[in-house]
C-alpha atoms as a PDB file:
ATOM      1  CA  MET A   1       1.768  -7.243  28.296  1.00  0.00           C
ATOM      2  CA  GLU A   2       1.194  -4.118  26.203  1.00  0.00           C
ATOM      3  CA  THR A   3       4.290  -4.917  24.116  1.00  0.00           C
ATOM      4  CA  GLU A   4       2.730  -8.254  23.234  1.00  0.00           C
ATOM      5  CA  ASN A   5      -0.388  -6.501  21.921  1.00  0.00           C
ATOM      6  CA  VAL A   6       1.730  -4.203  19.749  1.00  0.00           C
ATOM      7  CA  TYR A   7       3.649  -7.184  18.379  1.00  0.00           C
ATOM      8  CA  GLU A   8       0.418  -9.050  17.605  1.00  0.00           C
ATOM      9  CA  ALA A   9      -1.079  -5.974  15.942  1.00  0.00           C
ATOM     10  CA  ASN A  10       2.040  -5.554  13.777  1.00  0.00           C
ATOM     11  CA  GLU A  11       1.993  -9.240  12.874  1.00  0.00           C
ATOM     12  CA  ASP A  12      -1.704  -9.064  11.943  1.00  0.00           C
ATOM     13  CA  GLU A  13      -1.079  -5.952   9.873  1.00  0.00           C
ATOM     14  CA  GLY A  14       1.780  -7.681   8.063  1.00  0.00           C
ATOM     15  CA  ILE A  15      -0.427 -10.656   7.224  1.00  0.00           C
ATOM     16  CA  ILE A  16      -3.187  -8.393   5.915  1.00  0.00           C
ATOM     17  CA  ILE A  17      -0.747  -6.418   3.769  1.00  0.00           C
ATOM     18  CA  SER A  18       0.735  -9.644   2.426  1.00  0.00           C
ATOM     19  CA  LEU A  19      -2.708 -10.985   1.499  1.00  0.00           C
ATOM     20  CA  PHE A  20      -3.611  -7.691  -0.185  1.00  0.00           C
ATOM     21  CA  LEU A  21      -0.391  -7.668  -2.208  1.00  0.00           C
ATOM     22  CA  ASP A  22      -0.974 -11.294  -3.219  1.00  0.00           C
ATOM     23  CA  PHE A  23      -4.457 -10.297  -4.399  1.00  0.00           C
ATOM     24  CA  LEU A  24      -3.038  -7.389  -6.429  1.00  0.00           C
ATOM     25  CA  ILE A  25      -0.416  -9.582  -8.090  1.00  0.00           C
ATOM     26  CA  LYS A  26      -2.979 -12.258  -8.948  1.00  0.00           C
ATOM     27  CA  ASP A  27      -5.359  -9.656 -10.391  1.00  0.00           C
ATOM     28  CA  ALA A  28      -2.578  -8.016 -12.408  1.00  0.00           C
ATOM     29  CA  MET A  29      -1.549 -11.374 -13.867  1.00  0.00           C
ATOM     30  CA  GLN A  30      -5.141 -12.314 -14.722  1.00  0.00           C
ATOM     31  CA  ASN A  31      -6.096  -8.873 -16.084  1.00  0.00           C
ATOM     32  CA  PRO A  32      -2.978  -7.202 -17.504  1.00  0.00           C
ATOM     33  CA  SER A  33      -5.114  -4.940 -19.697  1.00  0.00           C
ATOM     34  CA  LYS A  34      -6.302  -3.142 -16.533  1.00  0.00           C
ATOM     35  CA  LEU A  35      -2.766  -2.004 -15.686  1.00  0.00           C
ATOM     36  CA  VAL A  36      -1.825   1.575 -16.464  1.00  0.00           C
ATOM     37  CA  PRO A  37       1.666   3.065 -16.363  1.00  0.00           C
ATOM     38  CA  TYR A  38       2.509   5.361 -13.473  1.00  0.00           C
ATOM     39  CA  THR A  39       3.027   8.752 -15.077  1.00  0.00           C
ATOM     40  CA  GLN A  40       4.774  11.944 -14.056  1.00  0.00           C
ATOM     41  CA  GLU A  41       1.333  13.572 -13.854  1.00  0.00           C
ATOM     42  CA  MET A  42       0.253  10.984 -11.254  1.00  0.00           C
ATOM     43  CA  SER A  43       3.447  11.599  -9.316  1.00  0.00           C
ATOM     44  CA  ASP A  44       2.889  15.366  -9.401  1.00  0.00           C
ATOM     45  CA  GLU A  45      -0.683  14.923  -8.120  1.00  0.00           C
ATOM     46  CA  THR A  46       0.593  12.810  -5.234  1.00  0.00           C
ATOM     47  CA  ASP A  47       3.248  15.407  -4.427  1.00  0.00           C
ATOM     48  CA  ASP A  48       0.596  18.140  -4.391  1.00  0.00           C
ATOM     49  CA  LEU A  49      -1.664  16.121  -2.100  1.00  0.00           C
ATOM     50  CA  LEU A  50       1.168  15.441   0.349  1.00  0.00           C
ATOM     51  CA  ALA A  51       2.847  18.858   0.191  1.00  0.00           C
ATOM     52  CA  ASP A  52       1.495  20.074   3.539  1.00  0.00           C
ATOM     53  CA  VAL A  53       1.592  16.734   5.350  1.00  0.00           C
ATOM     54  CA  VAL A  54       3.934  16.754   8.343  1.00  0.00           C
ATOM     55  CA  ILE A  55       5.121  13.504   9.892  1.00  0.00           C
ATOM     56  CA  ASP A  56       6.422  13.746  13.429  1.00  0.00           C
END
């Protein structure tokens, strides 16, 4: 029974992610001027933020 709940939660999460990505694509197509290139500086900031994060 618990496995069913995990499966349903994963399925719900997948649907939500799919809807969010659809929204992002639609917004990007309707408002291309809002897009900004992903820069090395942005990547470095992300690396700094995640430097001490440990995933078990």
